[in-house]
Amino acid sequence: MASSMKWLLMGYSGYVTIDDHQTIMTSFGLTLNENVIQSTGVGRIFTGEEFDRFKMDAVRDYPGYDISITCDANFSILNYFLSRVSTGFHSFIEVRFKDDASGIEYYFDKCCLTSLQLSVDNNAAASLTCGFVTFKDEIEVDFDYEHDHRKGRNAPSELVGDVLLPYWAWGVEYPDFTDEDLYTFNISYSQQVTPKFGCYGEDAYNALKPKKIVFGVPEVKYELTYIVADETHTHDYRIHSNRVALSRKTLKVKYKQQFRQETRRLPIDFEFSMTDCYPDTYSPQYANTGDVNKMTISGTVYGKIRYTVTSRG
């Protein structure tokens, strides 16, 4: 009996846009979370020595969808996110995912940003990991055709080219540490988004869409790893205990590189600074025969984010 073998692509046929900003996506995740209201009442659930059931009645609540996206950072998407988190925190974002090979498409028009992490590692390009939540009673998932690896368009062709942000073009200014000793760094932004449902006295079989959404106060964290090379002294614990949130320690992240725009290269500098930073932990990594001695600093931003872009041409 003859059998046919189906060719599947390893994810290369899918791509995502965020408010029409194209991304060099490396992963996409979607999770449906549905609160089920369970009865805690006492009832006849066993006969003799056997349980007929383990739970009493339950009611389905309104669903929410968690979306996670990881992508290589380019100037367009990074500029978009930094402009958002430095000027506002309660706007809705459009997220669209499409897989040309399978004909699968997800579209969410009102997503709330819940997390954003910028990671820059040694010998690598910068990457972004972002999380969203949206509240819908259903989503449309269309399988228009069987998986076809010969589909031509896949991700937009304009993403191929000079768009990555390499580690050597990044720099960080942080008090008491030498800039050139920086090895890796991560900046993370997160905020709680809570649906406000309320009691409406509605006669319906299914829960109603939340009428309000409550945005929590954003939290910004940083993690810097330095090689142990130059002498330094820091005395964070000598700050008056009541002045920790007003430490006046500023962390500045800078990038300098030429970006390709249409047919020319555009020199652009951008930077963002975080004020009133205070370290929570110092973690030395010493005596590893396969690596250089390093020191990792993790801390919290109590001030705000300031973002600026300048052109050199």
C-alpha atoms as a PDB file:
ATOM      1  CA  MET A   1       0.000   0.000   0.000  1.00  0.00           C
ATOM      2  CA  ALA A   2       1.441   3.352  -0.994  1.00  0.00           C
ATOM      3  CA  SER A   3       1.506   6.094   1.618  1.00  0.00           C
ATOM      4  CA  SER A   4       2.054   9.818   1.262  1.00  0.00           C
ATOM      5  CA  MET A   5       4.201  11.973   3.507  1.00  0.00           C
ATOM      6  CA  LYS A   6       3.151  15.498   4.429  1.00  0.00           C
ATOM      7  CA  TRP A   7       5.788  18.202   4.631  1.00  0.00           C
ATOM      8  CA  LEU A   8       5.449  20.592   7.569  1.00  0.00           C
ATOM      9  CA  LEU A   9       7.377  23.797   8.108  1.00  0.00           C
ATOM     10  CA  MET A  10       9.020  24.476  11.469  1.00  0.00           C
ATOM     11  CA  GLY A  11       7.034  27.613  12.188  1.00  0.00           C
ATOM     12  CA  TYR A  12       8.491  29.715   9.390  1.00  0.00           C
ATOM     13  CA  SER A  13       5.136  30.297   7.761  1.00  0.00           C
ATOM     14  CA  GLY A  14       3.711  32.316  10.669  1.00  0.00           C
ATOM     15  CA  TYR A  15       4.129  36.000  11.418  1.00  0.00           C
ATOM     16  CA  VAL A  16       2.575  38.611  13.703  1.00  0.00           C
ATOM     17  CA  THR A  17       1.854  42.340  13.530  1.00  0.00           C
ATOM     18  CA  ILE A  18       1.336  44.610  16.532  1.00  0.00           C
ATOM     19  CA  ASP A  19      -0.702  47.705  15.665  1.00  0.00           C
ATOM     20  CA  ASP A  20       0.447  47.191  12.047  1.00  0.00           C
ATOM     21  CA  HIS A  21       4.107  47.074  13.139  1.00  0.00           C
ATOM     22  CA  GLN A  22       5.755  44.047  11.601  1.00  0.00           C
ATOM     23  CA  THR A  23       7.971  41.943  13.847  1.00  0.00           C
ATOM     24  CA  ILE A  24      10.647  39.319  13.320  1.00  0.00           C
ATOM     25  CA  MET A  25       8.745  36.843  15.461  1.00  0.00           C
ATOM     26  CA  THR A  26      10.519  33.875  17.040  1.00  0.00           C
ATOM     27  CA  SER A  27       7.564  32.508  19.045  1.00  0.00           C
ATOM     28  CA  PHE A  28       3.844  33.075  19.508  1.00  0.00           C
ATOM     29  CA  GLY A  29       1.695  31.677  22.303  1.00  0.00           C
ATOM     30  CA  LEU A  30      -2.042  31.886  22.987  1.00  0.00           C
ATOM     31  CA  THR A  31      -3.745  30.612  26.142  1.00  0.00           C
ATOM     32  CA  LEU A  32      -7.454  30.650  26.939  1.00  0.00           C
ATOM     33  CA  ASN A  33      -8.169  31.191  30.638  1.00  0.00           C
ATOM     34  CA  GLU A  34     -11.718  30.590  31.795  1.00  0.00           C
ATOM     35  CA  ASN A  35     -12.756  30.964  35.409  1.00  0.00           C
ATOM     36  CA  VAL A  36     -15.161  28.212  36.427  1.00  0.00           C
ATOM     37  CA  ILE A  37     -17.275  29.052  39.469  1.00  0.00           C
ATOM     38  CA  GLN A  38     -17.561  25.855  41.484  1.00  0.00           C
ATOM     39  CA  SER A  39     -20.095  24.940  44.133  1.00  0.00           C
ATOM     40  CA  THR A  40     -18.723  24.285  47.599  1.00  0.00           C
ATOM     41  CA  GLY A  41     -22.008  22.861  48.819  1.00  0.00           C
ATOM     42  CA  VAL A  42     -22.642  19.478  50.420  1.00  0.00           C
ATOM     43  CA  GLY A  43     -24.549  16.909  48.399  1.00  0.00           C
ATOM     44  CA  ARG A  44     -24.958  13.227  47.605  1.00  0.00           C
ATOM     45  CA  ILE A  45     -21.757  12.516  45.660  1.00  0.00           C
ATOM     46  CA  PHE A  46     -20.932   8.991  46.831  1.00  0.00           C
ATOM     47  CA  THR A  47     -22.672   5.649  47.171  1.00  0.00           C
ATOM     48  CA  GLY A  48     -21.363   3.142  49.684  1.00  0.00           C
ATOM     49  CA  GLU A  49     -17.579   3.387  49.399  1.00  0.00           C
ATOM     50  CA  GLU A  50     -17.437   4.793  45.850  1.00  0.00           C
ATOM     51  CA  PHE A  51     -17.661   8.408  44.669  1.00  0.00           C
ATOM     52  CA  ASP A  52     -20.228   8.983  41.962  1.00  0.00           C
ATOM     53  CA  ARG A  53     -18.644  12.382  41.277  1.00  0.00           C
ATOM     54  CA  PHE A  54     -15.996  14.637  42.781  1.00  0.00           C
ATOM     55  CA  LYS A  55     -17.588  18.065  42.333  1.00  0.00           C
ATOM     56  CA  MET A  56     -20.989  19.617  42.680  1.00  0.00           C
ATOM     57  CA  ASP A  57     -22.409  22.150  40.200  1.00  0.00           C
ATOM     58  CA  ALA A  58     -20.279  24.676  38.296  1.00  0.00           C
ATOM     59  CA  VAL A  59     -20.894  27.807  36.208  1.00  0.00           C
ATOM     60  CA  ARG A  60     -18.694  29.054  33.379  1.00  0.00           C
ATOM     61  CA  ASP A  61     -17.395  32.627  33.685  1.00  0.00           C
ATOM     62  CA  TYR A  62     -16.300  35.032  30.923  1.00  0.00           C
ATOM     63  CA  PRO A  63     -13.032  33.954  29.199  1.00  0.00           C
ATOM     64  CA  GLY A  64      -9.792  35.858  28.814  1.00  0.00           C
ATOM     65  CA  TYR A  65      -6.896  35.241  26.428  1.00  0.00           C
ATOM     66  CA  ASP A  66      -3.223  35.584  27.296  1.00  0.00           C
ATOM     67  CA  ILE A  67      -0.935  36.277  24.331  1.00  0.00           C
ATOM     68  CA  SER A  68       2.852  35.990  24.447  1.00  0.00           C
ATOM     69  CA  ILE A  69       5.172  37.059  21.641  1.00  0.00           C
ATOM     70  CA  THR A  70       8.953  36.899  21.382  1.00  0.00           C
ATOM     71  CA  CYS A  71      10.699  38.662  18.531  1.00  0.00           C
ATOM     72  CA  ASP A  72      14.023  40.076  17.429  1.00  0.00           C
ATOM     73  CA  ALA A  73      13.970  43.757  18.261  1.00  0.00           C
ATOM     74  CA  ASN A  74      14.016  46.229  15.388  1.00  0.00           C
ATOM     75  CA  PHE A  75      13.816  49.995  15.624  1.00  0.00           C
ATOM     76  CA  SER A  76      10.182  50.198  14.543  1.00  0.00           C
ATOM     77  CA  ILE A  77       8.712  47.898  17.187  1.00  0.00           C
ATOM     78  CA  LEU A  78      11.077  49.041  19.938  1.00  0.00           C
ATOM     79  CA  ASN A  79      10.295  52.696  19.218  1.00  0.00           C
ATOM     80  CA  TYR A  80       6.591  51.847  19.324  1.00  0.00           C
ATOM     81  CA  PHE A  81       6.750  50.151  22.734  1.00  0.00           C
ATOM     82  CA  LEU A  82       9.112  52.654  24.360  1.00  0.00           C
ATOM     83  CA  SER A  83       6.891  55.527  23.225  1.00  0.00           C
ATOM     84  CA  ARG A  84       3.886  53.764  24.755  1.00  0.00           C
ATOM     85  CA  VAL A  85       5.285  52.829  28.146  1.00  0.00           C
ATOM     86  CA  SER A  86       6.923  56.241  28.659  1.00  0.00           C
ATOM     87  CA  THR A  87       3.767  58.259  27.901  1.00  0.00           C
ATOM     88  CA  GLY A  88       0.791  56.075  28.811  1.00  0.00           C
ATOM     89  CA  PHE A  89      -0.216  52.679  30.093  1.00  0.00           C
ATOM     90  CA  HIS A  90      -3.942  52.218  29.489  1.00  0.00           C
ATOM     91  CA  SER A  91      -4.442  52.041  25.737  1.00  0.00           C
ATOM     92  CA  PHE A  92      -5.628  49.144  23.597  1.00  0.00           C
ATOM     93  CA  ILE A  93      -3.348  47.396  21.101  1.00  0.00           C
ATOM     94  CA  GLU A  94      -4.191  45.373  17.993  1.00  0.00           C
ATOM     95  CA  VAL A  95      -2.462  41.995  17.598  1.00  0.00           C
ATOM     96  CA  ARG A  96      -2.778  39.865  14.477  1.00  0.00           C
ATOM     97  CA  PHE A  97      -1.191  36.456  13.832  1.00  0.00           C
ATOM     98  CA  LYS A  98      -1.271  34.642  10.499  1.00  0.00           C
ATOM     99  CA  ASP A  99       0.139  31.350   9.277  1.00  0.00           C
ATOM    100  CA  ASP A 100       0.073  31.298   5.475  1.00  0.00           C
ATOM    101  CA  ALA A 101       0.901  27.616   5.187  1.00  0.00           C
ATOM    102  CA  SER A 102      -2.084  26.507   7.256  1.00  0.00           C
ATOM    103  CA  GLY A 103      -4.463  29.409   6.702  1.00  0.00           C
ATOM    104  CA  ILE A 104      -4.697  30.048  10.458  1.00  0.00           C
ATOM    105  CA  GLU A 105      -5.336  33.621  11.577  1.00  0.00           C
ATOM    106  CA  TYR A 106      -5.944  35.137  15.010  1.00  0.00           C
ATOM    107  CA  TYR A 107      -7.085  38.733  15.325  1.00  0.00           C
ATOM    108  CA  PHE A 108      -7.486  40.649  18.596  1.00  0.00           C
ATOM    109  CA  ASP A 109      -8.444  44.320  18.359  1.00  0.00           C
ATOM    110  CA  LYS A 110      -8.410  45.273  22.061  1.00  0.00           C
ATOM    111  CA  CYS A 111      -5.338  43.885  23.794  1.00  0.00           C
ATOM    112  CA  CYS A 112      -3.875  45.306  27.007  1.00  0.00           C
ATOM    113  CA  LEU A 113      -0.105  45.209  27.489  1.00  0.00           C
ATOM    114  CA  THR A 114       0.769  43.216  30.614  1.00  0.00           C
ATOM    115  CA  SER A 115       4.525  42.706  30.216  1.00  0.00           C
ATOM    116  CA  LEU A 116       7.470  43.802  28.109  1.00  0.00           C
ATOM    117  CA  GLN A 117      11.087  42.683  28.419  1.00  0.00           C
ATOM    118  CA  LEU A 118      14.098  43.928  26.478  1.00  0.00           C
ATOM    119  CA  SER A 119      17.034  41.496  26.579  1.00  0.00           C
ATOM    120  CA  VAL A 120      20.518  42.181  25.231  1.00  0.00           C
ATOM    121  CA  ASP A 121      22.999  39.316  25.514  1.00  0.00           C
ATOM    122  CA  ASN A 122      26.635  39.131  24.583  1.00  0.00           C
ATOM    123  CA  ASN A 123      27.285  38.045  20.960  1.00  0.00           C
ATOM    124  CA  ALA A 124      23.574  38.352  20.120  1.00  0.00           C
ATOM    125  CA  ALA A 125      20.926  40.730  18.823  1.00  0.00           C
ATOM    126  CA  ALA A 126      18.440  42.395  21.151  1.00  0.00           C
ATOM    127  CA  SER A 127      15.152  40.573  21.668  1.00  0.00           C
ATOM    128  CA  LEU A 128      11.718  41.567  22.939  1.00  0.00           C
ATOM    129  CA  THR A 129       9.232  39.447  24.860  1.00  0.00           C
ATOM    130  CA  CYS A 130       5.791  40.956  25.306  1.00  0.00           C
ATOM    131  CA  GLY A 131       2.579  39.771  26.910  1.00  0.00           C
ATOM    132  CA  PHE A 132      -1.021  40.867  26.349  1.00  0.00           C
ATOM    133  CA  VAL A 133      -4.438  40.037  27.729  1.00  0.00           C
ATOM    134  CA  THR A 134      -7.762  40.468  25.964  1.00  0.00           C
ATOM    135  CA  PHE A 135     -11.331  39.605  26.881  1.00  0.00           C
ATOM    136  CA  LYS A 136     -13.594  38.059  24.244  1.00  0.00           C
ATOM    137  CA  ASP A 137     -16.365  35.495  24.427  1.00  0.00           C
ATOM    138  CA  GLU A 138     -14.990  33.751  21.348  1.00  0.00           C
ATOM    139  CA  ILE A 139     -12.268  33.936  18.725  1.00  0.00           C
ATOM    140  CA  GLU A 140     -12.410  32.961  15.101  1.00  0.00           C
ATOM    141  CA  VAL A 141      -9.957  30.289  13.985  1.00  0.00           C
ATOM    142  CA  ASP A 142     -10.204  29.502  10.290  1.00  0.00           C
ATOM    143  CA  PHE A 143      -8.481  26.555   8.637  1.00  0.00           C
ATOM    144  CA  ASP A 144      -8.963  27.619   5.048  1.00  0.00           C
ATOM    145  CA  TYR A 145      -6.909  24.788   3.584  1.00  0.00           C
ATOM    146  CA  GLU A 146      -4.577  21.964   4.510  1.00  0.00           C
ATOM    147  CA  HIS A 147      -0.991  22.719   5.434  1.00  0.00           C
ATOM    148  CA  ASP A 148       0.861  23.725   2.275  1.00  0.00           C
ATOM    149  CA  HIS A 149       4.576  24.435   2.667  1.00  0.00           C
ATOM    150  CA  ARG A 150       4.706  25.883  -0.846  1.00  0.00           C
ATOM    151  CA  LYS A 151       2.771  29.005   0.113  1.00  0.00           C
ATOM    152  CA  GLY A 152       4.897  31.851  -1.110  1.00  0.00           C
ATOM    153  CA  ARG A 153       4.400  34.944   0.998  1.00  0.00           C
ATOM    154  CA  ASN A 154       4.908  33.807   4.578  1.00  0.00           C
ATOM    155  CA  ALA A 155       6.308  36.689   6.643  1.00  0.00           C
ATOM    156  CA  PRO A 156       6.597  40.021   4.755  1.00  0.00           C
ATOM    157  CA  SER A 157       9.774  40.151   2.666  1.00  0.00           C
ATOM    158  CA  GLU A 158      10.714  43.648   3.897  1.00  0.00           C
ATOM    159  CA  LEU A 159      11.672  42.146   7.257  1.00  0.00           C
ATOM    160  CA  VAL A 160      14.717  40.595   5.615  1.00  0.00           C
ATOM    161  CA  GLY A 161      17.631  43.012   5.784  1.00  0.00           C
ATOM    162  CA  ASP A 162      19.456  45.404   8.049  1.00  0.00           C
ATOM    163  CA  VAL A 163      16.984  45.565  10.948  1.00  0.00           C
ATOM    164  CA  LEU A 164      18.588  43.714  13.881  1.00  0.00           C
ATOM    165  CA  LEU A 165      19.966  45.610  16.884  1.00  0.00           C
ATOM    166  CA  PRO A 166      23.354  43.971  17.694  1.00  0.00           C
ATOM    167  CA  TYR A 167      24.755  43.948  21.223  1.00  0.00           C
ATOM    168  CA  TRP A 168      27.822  46.059  20.383  1.00  0.00           C
ATOM    169  CA  ALA A 169      25.719  49.118  19.533  1.00  0.00           C
ATOM    170  CA  TRP A 170      24.108  49.129  22.988  1.00  0.00           C
ATOM    171  CA  GLY A 171      25.479  50.886  26.031  1.00  0.00           C
ATOM    172  CA  VAL A 172      24.378  51.379  29.627  1.00  0.00           C
ATOM    173  CA  GLU A 173      25.318  54.090  32.109  1.00  0.00           C
ATOM    174  CA  TYR A 174      24.902  52.978  35.720  1.00  0.00           C
ATOM    175  CA  PRO A 175      26.486  54.670  38.757  1.00  0.00           C
ATOM    176  CA  ASP A 176      29.661  53.142  40.244  1.00  0.00           C
ATOM    177  CA  PHE A 177      30.197  50.635  37.392  1.00  0.00           C
ATOM    178  CA  THR A 178      32.343  50.987  34.262  1.00  0.00           C
ATOM    179  CA  ASP A 179      30.258  51.136  31.078  1.00  0.00           C
ATOM    180  CA  GLU A 180      32.575  48.953  29.008  1.00  0.00           C
ATOM    181  CA  ASP A 181      32.405  46.119  31.571  1.00  0.00           C
ATOM    182  CA  LEU A 182      28.704  45.481  30.862  1.00  0.00           C
ATOM    183  CA  TYR A 183      28.121  41.892  29.695  1.00  0.00           C
ATOM    184  CA  THR A 184      24.315  41.499  29.429  1.00  0.00           C
ATOM    185  CA  PHE A 185      21.230  43.395  30.579  1.00  0.00           C
ATOM    186  CA  ASN A 186      17.447  43.017  30.836  1.00  0.00           C
ATOM    187  CA  ILE A 187      14.793  45.687  31.354  1.00  0.00           C
ATOM    188  CA  SER A 188      11.289  44.462  32.205  1.00  0.00           C
ATOM    189  CA  TYR A 189       7.986  46.325  32.401  1.00  0.00           C
ATOM    190  CA  SER A 190       4.834  44.738  33.817  1.00  0.00           C
ATOM    191  CA  GLN A 191       1.379  45.773  34.972  1.00  0.00           C
ATOM    192  CA  GLN A 192      -1.686  44.031  36.314  1.00  0.00           C
ATOM    193  CA  VAL A 193      -4.842  44.168  34.184  1.00  0.00           C
ATOM    194  CA  THR A 194      -8.029  43.111  35.986  1.00  0.00           C
ATOM    195  CA  PRO A 195     -11.494  42.838  34.418  1.00  0.00           C
ATOM    196  CA  LYS A 196     -14.273  44.468  36.437  1.00  0.00           C
ATOM    197  CA  PHE A 197     -17.366  42.387  35.861  1.00  0.00           C
ATOM    198  CA  GLY A 198     -19.975  43.594  38.338  1.00  0.00           C
ATOM    199  CA  CYS A 199     -23.530  42.428  39.075  1.00  0.00           C
ATOM    200  CA  TYR A 200     -26.024  43.410  36.355  1.00  0.00           C
ATOM    201  CA  GLY A 201     -29.123  41.320  37.002  1.00  0.00           C
ATOM    202  CA  GLU A 202     -29.029  39.995  33.446  1.00  0.00           C
ATOM    203  CA  ASP A 203     -31.040  36.980  32.351  1.00  0.00           C
ATOM    204  CA  ALA A 204     -28.454  35.072  30.302  1.00  0.00           C
ATOM    205  CA  TYR A 205     -26.957  31.597  30.042  1.00  0.00           C
ATOM    206  CA  ASN A 206     -23.438  32.975  29.663  1.00  0.00           C
ATOM    207  CA  ALA A 207     -21.413  35.556  31.577  1.00  0.00           C
ATOM    208  CA  LEU A 208     -21.358  39.081  30.163  1.00  0.00           C
ATOM    209  CA  LYS A 209     -18.354  40.924  28.832  1.00  0.00           C
ATOM    210  CA  PRO A 210     -16.635  43.026  31.545  1.00  0.00           C
ATOM    211  CA  LYS A 211     -17.842  46.626  31.535  1.00  0.00           C
ATOM    212  CA  LYS A 212     -14.605  48.040  32.963  1.00  0.00           C
ATOM    213  CA  ILE A 213     -10.928  47.118  32.950  1.00  0.00           C
ATOM    214  CA  VAL A 214      -8.711  48.145  35.873  1.00  0.00           C
ATOM    215  CA  PHE A 215      -5.047  48.889  35.086  1.00  0.00           C
ATOM    216  CA  GLY A 216      -2.602  48.431  37.948  1.00  0.00           C
ATOM    217  CA  VAL A 217       0.443  50.592  38.654  1.00  0.00           C
ATOM    218  CA  PRO A 218       3.247  49.519  36.280  1.00  0.00           C
ATOM    219  CA  GLU A 219       6.413  47.987  37.709  1.00  0.00           C
ATOM    220  CA  VAL A 220       9.838  48.305  36.094  1.00  0.00           C
ATOM    221  CA  LYS A 221      12.784  46.061  36.961  1.00  0.00           C
ATOM    222  CA  TYR A 222      16.346  45.904  35.671  1.00  0.00           C
ATOM    223  CA  GLU A 223      19.101  43.305  35.658  1.00  0.00           C
ATOM    224  CA  LEU A 224      22.679  44.177  34.741  1.00  0.00           C
ATOM    225  CA  THR A 225      25.575  41.732  34.506  1.00  0.00           C
ATOM    226  CA  TYR A 226      29.135  43.090  34.549  1.00  0.00           C
ATOM    227  CA  ILE A 227      32.448  41.341  34.156  1.00  0.00           C
ATOM    228  CA  VAL A 228      34.740  41.862  37.138  1.00  0.00           C
ATOM    229  CA  ALA A 229      37.531  43.896  35.561  1.00  0.00           C
ATOM    230  CA  ASP A 230      37.727  47.467  36.882  1.00  0.00           C
ATOM    231  CA  GLU A 231      37.824  48.620  40.489  1.00  0.00           C
ATOM    232  CA  THR A 232      34.593  50.026  41.876  1.00  0.00           C
ATOM    233  CA  HIS A 233      32.977  50.967  45.170  1.00  0.00           C
ATOM    234  CA  THR A 234      29.273  51.210  45.976  1.00  0.00           C
ATOM    235  CA  HIS A 235      27.530  51.839  49.290  1.00  0.00           C
ATOM    236  CA  ASP A 236      23.803  51.503  48.643  1.00  0.00           C
ATOM    237  CA  TYR A 237      23.007  50.468  52.199  1.00  0.00           C
ATOM    238  CA  ARG A 238      24.303  53.783  53.530  1.00  0.00           C
ATOM    239  CA  ILE A 239      21.324  55.554  51.958  1.00  0.00           C
ATOM    240  CA  HIS A 240      18.845  56.606  54.644  1.00  0.00           C
ATOM    241  CA  SER A 241      16.219  53.864  54.870  1.00  0.00           C
ATOM    242  CA  ASN A 242      13.375  56.294  54.164  1.00  0.00           C
ATOM    243  CA  ARG A 243      15.147  57.614  51.043  1.00  0.00           C
ATOM    244  CA  VAL A 244      15.420  54.373  49.069  1.00  0.00           C
ATOM    245  CA  ALA A 245      12.661  55.363  46.635  1.00  0.00           C
ATOM    246  CA  LEU A 246      14.406  58.707  46.111  1.00  0.00           C
ATOM    247  CA  SER A 247      17.898  57.328  45.564  1.00  0.00           C
ATOM    248  CA  ARG A 248      18.666  59.662  42.613  1.00  0.00           C
ATOM    249  CA  LYS A 249      20.406  56.765  40.887  1.00  0.00           C
ATOM    250  CA  THR A 250      19.654  56.901  37.140  1.00  0.00           C
ATOM    251  CA  LEU A 251      20.088  54.025  34.687  1.00  0.00           C
ATOM    252  CA  LYS A 252      20.488  55.122  31.081  1.00  0.00           C
ATOM    253  CA  VAL A 253      20.249  52.741  28.099  1.00  0.00           C
ATOM    254  CA  LYS A 254      21.700  53.988  24.805  1.00  0.00           C
ATOM    255  CA  TYR A 255      21.768  52.707  21.232  1.00  0.00           C
ATOM    256  CA  LYS A 256      23.739  54.013  18.234  1.00  0.00           C
ATOM    257  CA  GLN A 257      23.430  52.451  14.815  1.00  0.00           C
ATOM    258  CA  GLN A 258      22.506  53.108  11.216  1.00  0.00           C
ATOM    259  CA  PHE A 259      19.037  51.985  10.163  1.00  0.00           C
ATOM    260  CA  ARG A 260      18.032  51.208   6.607  1.00  0.00           C
ATOM    261  CA  GLN A 261      15.086  53.323   5.507  1.00  0.00           C
ATOM    262  CA  GLU A 262      13.891  52.713   1.953  1.00  0.00           C
ATOM    263  CA  THR A 263      17.024  53.222  -0.212  1.00  0.00           C
ATOM    264  CA  ARG A 264      19.273  55.016   2.267  1.00  0.00           C
ATOM    265  CA  ARG A 265      20.838  54.414   5.637  1.00  0.00           C
ATOM    266  CA  LEU A 266      19.579  56.670   8.400  1.00  0.00           C
ATOM    267  CA  PRO A 267      21.876  57.284  11.412  1.00  0.00           C
ATOM    268  CA  ILE A 268      19.707  57.383  14.542  1.00  0.00           C
ATOM    269  CA  ASP A 269      20.508  57.541  18.223  1.00  0.00           C
ATOM    270  CA  PHE A 270      17.912  56.652  20.808  1.00  0.00           C
ATOM    271  CA  GLU A 271      18.080  56.300  24.545  1.00  0.00           C
ATOM    272  CA  PHE A 272      15.823  55.848  27.519  1.00  0.00           C
ATOM    273  CA  SER A 273      16.587  56.545  31.136  1.00  0.00           C
ATOM    274  CA  MET A 274      15.017  55.269  34.347  1.00  0.00           C
ATOM    275  CA  THR A 275      15.200  57.443  37.436  1.00  0.00           C
ATOM    276  CA  ASP A 276      15.388  56.612  41.146  1.00  0.00           C
ATOM    277  CA  CYS A 277      16.751  53.100  40.712  1.00  0.00           C
ATOM    278  CA  TYR A 278      17.659  51.024  43.747  1.00  0.00           C
ATOM    279  CA  PRO A 279      19.353  47.586  43.651  1.00  0.00           C
ATOM    280  CA  ASP A 280      17.579  44.694  45.361  1.00  0.00           C
ATOM    281  CA  THR A 281      20.277  42.041  44.924  1.00  0.00           C
ATOM    282  CA  TYR A 282      23.956  41.643  44.074  1.00  0.00           C
ATOM    283  CA  SER A 283      24.802  38.169  42.758  1.00  0.00           C
ATOM    284  CA  PRO A 284      28.489  37.392  42.099  1.00  0.00           C
ATOM    285  CA  GLN A 285      29.425  34.481  39.833  1.00  0.00           C
ATOM    286  CA  TYR A 286      33.036  33.676  40.704  1.00  0.00           C
ATOM    287  CA  ALA A 287      35.541  30.848  40.265  1.00  0.00           C
ATOM    288  CA  ASN A 288      33.977  29.309  37.180  1.00  0.00           C
ATOM    289  CA  THR A 289      36.907  27.883  35.236  1.00  0.00           C
ATOM    290  CA  GLY A 290      34.925  28.040  32.003  1.00  0.00           C
ATOM    291  CA  ASP A 291      33.917  31.695  32.264  1.00  0.00           C
ATOM    292  CA  VAL A 292      35.047  35.106  33.453  1.00  0.00           C
ATOM    293  CA  ASN A 293      34.078  36.382  36.910  1.00  0.00           C
ATOM    294  CA  LYS A 294      30.854  38.377  36.760  1.00  0.00           C
ATOM    295  CA  MET A 295      28.503  40.369  38.982  1.00  0.00           C
ATOM    296  CA  THR A 296      24.734  40.627  38.419  1.00  0.00           C
ATOM    297  CA  ILE A 297      22.715  43.514  39.834  1.00  0.00           C
ATOM    298  CA  SER A 298      18.926  43.304  40.005  1.00  0.00           C
ATOM    299  CA  GLY A 299      16.860  46.286  41.052  1.00  0.00           C
ATOM    300  CA  THR A 300      13.616  48.238  40.959  1.00  0.00           C
ATOM    301  CA  VAL A 301      12.789  51.531  39.257  1.00  0.00           C
ATOM    302  CA  TYR A 302      10.888  53.869  41.584  1.00  0.00           C
ATOM    303  CA  GLY A 303      10.945  56.876  39.271  1.00  0.00           C
ATOM    304  CA  LYS A 304       9.850  57.003  35.637  1.00  0.00           C
ATOM    305  CA  ILE A 305      10.989  56.240  32.084  1.00  0.00           C
ATOM    306  CA  ARG A 306      12.134  59.019  29.764  1.00  0.00           C
ATOM    307  CA  TYR A 307      12.614  58.199  26.070  1.00  0.00           C
ATOM    308  CA  THR A 308      14.240  60.296  23.342  1.00  0.00           C
ATOM    309  CA  VAL A 309      15.222  59.767  19.682  1.00  0.00           C
ATOM    310  CA  THR A 310      17.710  61.892  17.742  1.00  0.00           C
ATOM    311  CA  SER A 311      18.915  61.756  14.140  1.00  0.00           C
ATOM    312  CA  ARG A 312      22.538  62.239  13.076  1.00  0.00           C
ATOM    313  CA  GLY A 313      21.844  62.994   9.455  1.00  0.00           C
END
